[in-house]
Amino acid sequence: MLNNAKLNESNSRKKKSKSIFVGSLVALIIVISPYLFYTYRFFPNEKTMDFYLFIMESNFNESISTVMWFFMIKFIPLLLLVLWFFTCKHWWYHAILIPIAMYTFQIVSLFYEEKYLDETEIYWLIPIMLVVTPFVYFIRVKLFDKHVLGIDLEAMDAELKVYKEKERLQKEKEAEDKML
């Protein structure tokens, strides 16, 4: 029995330690996000930049620094939204997927389109909104019914089943009475 208590205490400490580590990592990322944003200043004001694995070329601007500025104004909010999505404990956290998708599409279009930035992403976002919005609304309706109106749908289903069973038994009894 004593051994079991020590094991539970050890697991509890490990969970707390992991929670503190993850929380500290999230806090660190949030704190350094302004510094991450300004990393675009370290890129050259030239049209191309040679990395070891590939060469980056600016398609719509003459400056890699400007491209990286565009990237950072999309990436930093995306990073913070992803952190918010994974750490949020509210019922509506799935709605955060919509701006996450928007920033993701904008980043992809930044590197694959030569011009027309931030113009066509809304069309890619519509299918995601068509899935996420009803899902979030359905959760909201269920919670509103249960916690605000006091309607317990499971209890109502159980009552309906009992009522249908009584109706069925009554019809069977009536059918038997007619036969006699």
C-alpha atoms as a PDB file:
ATOM      1  CA  MET A   1       0.000   0.000   0.000  1.00  0.00           C
ATOM      2  CA  LEU A   2       2.826   2.370   0.874  1.00  0.00           C
ATOM      3  CA  ASN A   3       4.555   1.515  -2.404  1.00  0.00           C
ATOM      4  CA  ASN A   4       1.396   2.441  -4.363  1.00  0.00           C
ATOM      5  CA  ALA A   5       1.216   5.851  -2.640  1.00  0.00           C
ATOM      6  CA  LYS A   6       4.850   6.556  -3.523  1.00  0.00           C
ATOM      7  CA  LEU A   7       4.177   5.597  -7.141  1.00  0.00           C
ATOM      8  CA  ASN A   8       1.149   7.911  -7.314  1.00  0.00           C
ATOM      9  CA  GLU A   9       3.138  10.743  -5.738  1.00  0.00           C
ATOM     10  CA  SER A  10       5.960  10.192  -8.220  1.00  0.00           C
ATOM     11  CA  ASN A  11       3.528  10.273 -11.168  1.00  0.00           C
ATOM     12  CA  SER A  12       1.927  13.420  -9.767  1.00  0.00           C
ATOM     13  CA  ARG A  13       5.333  15.118  -9.524  1.00  0.00           C
ATOM     14  CA  LYS A  14       6.178  14.103 -13.096  1.00  0.00           C
ATOM     15  CA  LYS A  15       2.875  15.529 -14.375  1.00  0.00           C
ATOM     16  CA  LYS A  16       3.414  18.777 -12.474  1.00  0.00           C
ATOM     17  CA  SER A  17       6.987  18.984 -13.705  1.00  0.00           C
ATOM     18  CA  LYS A  18       5.886  18.391 -17.298  1.00  0.00           C
ATOM     19  CA  SER A  19       3.104  20.976 -16.923  1.00  0.00           C
ATOM     20  CA  ILE A  20       5.543  23.562 -15.584  1.00  0.00           C
ATOM     21  CA  PHE A  21       7.982  22.813 -18.420  1.00  0.00           C
ATOM     22  CA  VAL A  22       5.308  23.117 -21.135  1.00  0.00           C
ATOM     23  CA  GLY A  23       3.889  26.277 -19.541  1.00  0.00           C
ATOM     24  CA  SER A  24       7.351  27.807 -19.325  1.00  0.00           C
ATOM     25  CA  LEU A  25       8.031  26.938 -22.972  1.00  0.00           C
ATOM     26  CA  VAL A  26       4.748  28.547 -24.070  1.00  0.00           C
ATOM     27  CA  ALA A  27       5.481  31.648 -21.965  1.00  0.00           C
ATOM     28  CA  LEU A  28       8.994  31.870 -23.435  1.00  0.00           C
ATOM     29  CA  ILE A  29       7.673  31.691 -27.003  1.00  0.00           C
ATOM     30  CA  ILE A  30       5.126  34.433 -26.245  1.00  0.00           C
ATOM     31  CA  VAL A  31       7.773  36.625 -24.613  1.00  0.00           C
ATOM     32  CA  ILE A  32      10.286  36.279 -27.472  1.00  0.00           C
ATOM     33  CA  SER A  33       7.682  36.696 -30.248  1.00  0.00           C
ATOM     34  CA  PRO A  34       8.475  40.427 -30.724  1.00  0.00           C
ATOM     35  CA  TYR A  35      12.144  39.528 -31.103  1.00  0.00           C
ATOM     36  CA  LEU A  36      11.273  36.779 -33.567  1.00  0.00           C
ATOM     37  CA  PHE A  37       9.343  39.330 -35.592  1.00  0.00           C
ATOM     38  CA  TYR A  38      12.380  41.581 -36.000  1.00  0.00           C
ATOM     39  CA  THR A  39      14.556  38.787 -37.393  1.00  0.00           C
ATOM     40  CA  TYR A  40      13.540  40.015 -40.866  1.00  0.00           C
ATOM     41  CA  ARG A  41      16.177  42.756 -40.395  1.00  0.00           C
ATOM     42  CA  PHE A  42      18.925  40.143 -40.612  1.00  0.00           C
ATOM     43  CA  PHE A  43      18.053  39.326 -44.213  1.00  0.00           C
ATOM     44  CA  PRO A  44      19.730  41.220 -47.065  1.00  0.00           C
ATOM     45  CA  ASN A  45      18.132  43.921 -49.181  1.00  0.00           C
ATOM     46  CA  GLU A  46      18.927  41.916 -52.294  1.00  0.00           C
ATOM     47  CA  LYS A  47      16.729  39.969 -54.700  1.00  0.00           C
ATOM     48  CA  THR A  48      18.329  36.570 -53.909  1.00  0.00           C
ATOM     49  CA  MET A  49      19.874  34.901 -50.894  1.00  0.00           C
ATOM     50  CA  ASP A  50      21.935  31.741 -50.975  1.00  0.00           C
ATOM     51  CA  PHE A  51      21.257  29.257 -48.188  1.00  0.00           C
ATOM     52  CA  TYR A  52      23.196  26.021 -47.974  1.00  0.00           C
ATOM     53  CA  LEU A  53      20.323  23.858 -49.224  1.00  0.00           C
ATOM     54  CA  PHE A  54      18.514  26.261 -51.557  1.00  0.00           C
ATOM     55  CA  ILE A  55      18.524  29.729 -53.053  1.00  0.00           C
ATOM     56  CA  MET A  56      15.721  32.068 -52.011  1.00  0.00           C
ATOM     57  CA  GLU A  57      14.555  34.545 -54.607  1.00  0.00           C
ATOM     58  CA  SER A  58      12.096  37.369 -54.167  1.00  0.00           C
ATOM     59  CA  ASN A  59       9.434  37.065 -56.877  1.00  0.00           C
ATOM     60  CA  PHE A  60       7.353  40.167 -56.274  1.00  0.00           C
ATOM     61  CA  ASN A  61       9.830  42.472 -54.581  1.00  0.00           C
ATOM     62  CA  GLU A  62      13.444  43.416 -54.988  1.00  0.00           C
ATOM     63  CA  SER A  63      14.300  42.656 -51.365  1.00  0.00           C
ATOM     64  CA  ILE A  64      14.489  39.421 -49.401  1.00  0.00           C
ATOM     65  CA  SER A  65      14.189  41.561 -46.287  1.00  0.00           C
ATOM     66  CA  THR A  66      10.760  42.786 -47.446  1.00  0.00           C
ATOM     67  CA  VAL A  67       9.640  39.229 -48.183  1.00  0.00           C
ATOM     68  CA  MET A  68      10.718  38.149 -44.718  1.00  0.00           C
ATOM     69  CA  TRP A  69       8.885  41.143 -43.233  1.00  0.00           C
ATOM     70  CA  PHE A  70       5.713  39.946 -44.992  1.00  0.00           C
ATOM     71  CA  PHE A  71       6.421  36.438 -43.711  1.00  0.00           C
ATOM     72  CA  MET A  72       6.892  37.582 -40.117  1.00  0.00           C
ATOM     73  CA  ILE A  73       3.690  39.646 -40.056  1.00  0.00           C
ATOM     74  CA  LYS A  74       1.899  36.417 -40.983  1.00  0.00           C
ATOM     75  CA  PHE A  75       3.974  33.887 -39.033  1.00  0.00           C
ATOM     76  CA  ILE A  76       4.020  35.520 -35.581  1.00  0.00           C
ATOM     77  CA  PRO A  77       0.204  35.790 -35.300  1.00  0.00           C
ATOM     78  CA  LEU A  78      -0.041  32.233 -36.664  1.00  0.00           C
ATOM     79  CA  LEU A  79       2.388  30.994 -34.011  1.00  0.00           C
ATOM     80  CA  LEU A  80       0.467  32.754 -31.238  1.00  0.00           C
ATOM     81  CA  LEU A  81      -2.875  31.465 -32.526  1.00  0.00           C
ATOM     82  CA  VAL A  82      -1.554  27.892 -32.628  1.00  0.00           C
ATOM     83  CA  LEU A  83      -0.346  28.240 -29.027  1.00  0.00           C
ATOM     84  CA  TRP A  84      -3.727  29.649 -28.056  1.00  0.00           C
ATOM     85  CA  PHE A  85      -5.536  26.797 -29.812  1.00  0.00           C
ATOM     86  CA  PHE A  86      -3.550  24.104 -28.001  1.00  0.00           C
ATOM     87  CA  THR A  87      -3.751  25.777 -24.581  1.00  0.00           C
ATOM     88  CA  CYS A  88      -7.350  27.054 -24.689  1.00  0.00           C
ATOM     89  CA  LYS A  89      -9.833  25.275 -22.429  1.00  0.00           C
ATOM     90  CA  HIS A  90     -12.978  27.077 -23.585  1.00  0.00           C
ATOM     91  CA  TRP A  91     -15.754  25.374 -25.539  1.00  0.00           C
ATOM     92  CA  TRP A  92     -15.286  27.652 -28.568  1.00  0.00           C
ATOM     93  CA  TYR A  93     -11.586  26.971 -29.164  1.00  0.00           C
ATOM     94  CA  HIS A  94     -12.321  25.303 -32.533  1.00  0.00           C
ATOM     95  CA  ALA A  95     -13.217  28.746 -33.890  1.00  0.00           C
ATOM     96  CA  ILE A  96      -9.517  29.622 -33.626  1.00  0.00           C
ATOM     97  CA  LEU A  97      -8.952  27.242 -36.551  1.00  0.00           C
ATOM     98  CA  ILE A  98     -10.416  29.817 -38.947  1.00  0.00           C
ATOM     99  CA  PRO A  99      -7.754  32.535 -38.412  1.00  0.00           C
ATOM    100  CA  ILE A 100      -5.097  29.799 -38.228  1.00  0.00           C
ATOM    101  CA  ALA A 101      -6.161  28.615 -41.673  1.00  0.00           C
ATOM    102  CA  MET A 102      -6.250  32.191 -42.980  1.00  0.00           C
ATOM    103  CA  TYR A 103      -2.676  32.929 -41.881  1.00  0.00           C
ATOM    104  CA  THR A 104      -1.502  29.557 -43.202  1.00  0.00           C
ATOM    105  CA  PHE A 105      -2.980  30.244 -46.642  1.00  0.00           C
ATOM    106  CA  GLN A 106      -1.433  33.726 -46.638  1.00  0.00           C
ATOM    107  CA  ILE A 107       2.012  32.317 -45.843  1.00  0.00           C
ATOM    108  CA  VAL A 108       1.709  29.701 -48.572  1.00  0.00           C
ATOM    109  CA  SER A 109       0.598  32.312 -51.102  1.00  0.00           C
ATOM    110  CA  LEU A 110       3.500  34.540 -50.084  1.00  0.00           C
ATOM    111  CA  PHE A 111       5.982  31.979 -51.358  1.00  0.00           C
ATOM    112  CA  TYR A 112       4.053  30.564 -54.325  1.00  0.00           C
ATOM    113  CA  GLU A 113       2.403  33.603 -55.901  1.00  0.00           C
ATOM    114  CA  GLU A 114       4.235  36.405 -57.610  1.00  0.00           C
ATOM    115  CA  LYS A 115       1.648  39.092 -56.847  1.00  0.00           C
ATOM    116  CA  TYR A 116      -1.879  39.566 -55.525  1.00  0.00           C
ATOM    117  CA  LEU A 117      -1.057  38.911 -51.886  1.00  0.00           C
ATOM    118  CA  ASP A 118      -3.954  38.525 -49.443  1.00  0.00           C
ATOM    119  CA  GLU A 119      -6.631  38.566 -52.133  1.00  0.00           C
ATOM    120  CA  THR A 120      -7.598  34.965 -52.891  1.00  0.00           C
ATOM    121  CA  GLU A 121      -7.116  33.344 -49.473  1.00  0.00           C
ATOM    122  CA  ILE A 122     -10.728  33.981 -48.507  1.00  0.00           C
ATOM    123  CA  TYR A 123     -11.858  31.558 -51.194  1.00  0.00           C
ATOM    124  CA  TRP A 124      -9.657  28.838 -49.709  1.00  0.00           C
ATOM    125  CA  LEU A 125     -10.973  29.682 -46.250  1.00  0.00           C
ATOM    126  CA  ILE A 126     -14.671  29.270 -47.090  1.00  0.00           C
ATOM    127  CA  PRO A 127     -14.690  25.415 -46.948  1.00  0.00           C
ATOM    128  CA  ILE A 128     -12.955  25.487 -43.563  1.00  0.00           C
ATOM    129  CA  MET A 129     -15.478  28.033 -42.295  1.00  0.00           C
ATOM    130  CA  LEU A 130     -18.324  25.860 -43.592  1.00  0.00           C
ATOM    131  CA  VAL A 131     -17.092  22.995 -41.412  1.00  0.00           C
ATOM    132  CA  VAL A 132     -15.915  24.816 -38.281  1.00  0.00           C
ATOM    133  CA  THR A 133     -18.756  27.326 -37.894  1.00  0.00           C
ATOM    134  CA  PRO A 134     -21.635  24.811 -37.657  1.00  0.00           C
ATOM    135  CA  PHE A 135     -19.525  22.613 -35.364  1.00  0.00           C
ATOM    136  CA  VAL A 136     -18.884  25.506 -32.952  1.00  0.00           C
ATOM    137  CA  TYR A 137     -22.518  26.604 -33.160  1.00  0.00           C
ATOM    138  CA  PHE A 138     -23.715  23.056 -32.407  1.00  0.00           C
ATOM    139  CA  ILE A 139     -21.529  22.945 -29.287  1.00  0.00           C
ATOM    140  CA  ARG A 140     -22.865  26.357 -28.248  1.00  0.00           C
ATOM    141  CA  VAL A 141     -26.494  25.274 -28.650  1.00  0.00           C
ATOM    142  CA  LYS A 142     -25.926  22.111 -26.616  1.00  0.00           C
ATOM    143  CA  LEU A 143     -24.242  24.071 -23.816  1.00  0.00           C
ATOM    144  CA  PHE A 144     -26.873  26.826 -23.897  1.00  0.00           C
ATOM    145  CA  ASP A 145     -29.698  24.295 -23.673  1.00  0.00           C
ATOM    146  CA  LYS A 146     -28.115  22.426 -20.796  1.00  0.00           C
ATOM    147  CA  HIS A 147     -26.668  25.225 -18.671  1.00  0.00           C
ATOM    148  CA  VAL A 148     -28.893  28.222 -19.395  1.00  0.00           C
ATOM    149  CA  LEU A 149     -32.278  26.668 -20.130  1.00  0.00           C
ATOM    150  CA  GLY A 150     -31.736  23.599 -17.968  1.00  0.00           C
ATOM    151  CA  ILE A 151     -32.711  21.210 -20.738  1.00  0.00           C
ATOM    152  CA  ASP A 152     -31.047  17.836 -20.381  1.00  0.00           C
ATOM    153  CA  LEU A 153     -31.318  16.175 -23.778  1.00  0.00           C
ATOM    154  CA  GLU A 154     -30.307  12.761 -22.470  1.00  0.00           C
ATOM    155  CA  ALA A 155     -33.047  12.846 -19.820  1.00  0.00           C
ATOM    156  CA  MET A 156     -35.542  13.890 -22.480  1.00  0.00           C
ATOM    157  CA  ASP A 157     -34.461  10.977 -24.690  1.00  0.00           C
ATOM    158  CA  ALA A 158     -34.891   8.559 -21.783  1.00  0.00           C
ATOM    159  CA  GLU A 159     -38.372   9.933 -21.062  1.00  0.00           C
ATOM    160  CA  LEU A 160     -39.327   9.593 -24.737  1.00  0.00           C
ATOM    161  CA  LYS A 161     -38.168   5.976 -24.770  1.00  0.00           C
ATOM    162  CA  VAL A 162     -40.264   5.204 -21.680  1.00  0.00           C
ATOM    163  CA  TYR A 163     -43.290   6.949 -23.222  1.00  0.00           C
ATOM    164  CA  LYS A 164     -42.900   5.039 -26.521  1.00  0.00           C
ATOM    165  CA  GLU A 165     -42.576   1.770 -24.631  1.00  0.00           C
ATOM    166  CA  LYS A 166     -45.801   2.508 -22.693  1.00  0.00           C
ATOM    167  CA  GLU A 167     -47.568   3.372 -25.960  1.00  0.00           C
ATOM    168  CA  ARG A 168     -46.370   0.128 -27.547  1.00  0.00           C
ATOM    169  CA  LEU A 169     -47.527  -1.937 -24.570  1.00  0.00           C
ATOM    170  CA  GLN A 170     -50.907  -0.187 -24.566  1.00  0.00           C
ATOM    171  CA  LYS A 171     -51.394  -0.899 -28.301  1.00  0.00           C
ATOM    172  CA  GLU A 172     -50.462  -4.552 -27.759  1.00  0.00           C
ATOM    173  CA  LYS A 173     -52.966  -4.769 -24.890  1.00  0.00           C
ATOM    174  CA  GLU A 174     -55.686  -3.181 -27.038  1.00  0.00           C
ATOM    175  CA  ALA A 175     -54.924  -5.630 -29.868  1.00  0.00           C
ATOM    176  CA  GLU A 176     -55.185  -8.562 -27.416  1.00  0.00           C
ATOM    177  CA  ASP A 177     -58.501  -7.233 -26.035  1.00  0.00           C
ATOM    178  CA  LYS A 178     -59.944  -7.012 -29.556  1.00  0.00           C
ATOM    179  CA  MET A 179     -58.944 -10.621 -30.266  1.00  0.00           C
ATOM    180  CA  LEU A 180     -60.714 -11.889 -27.156  1.00  0.00           C
END
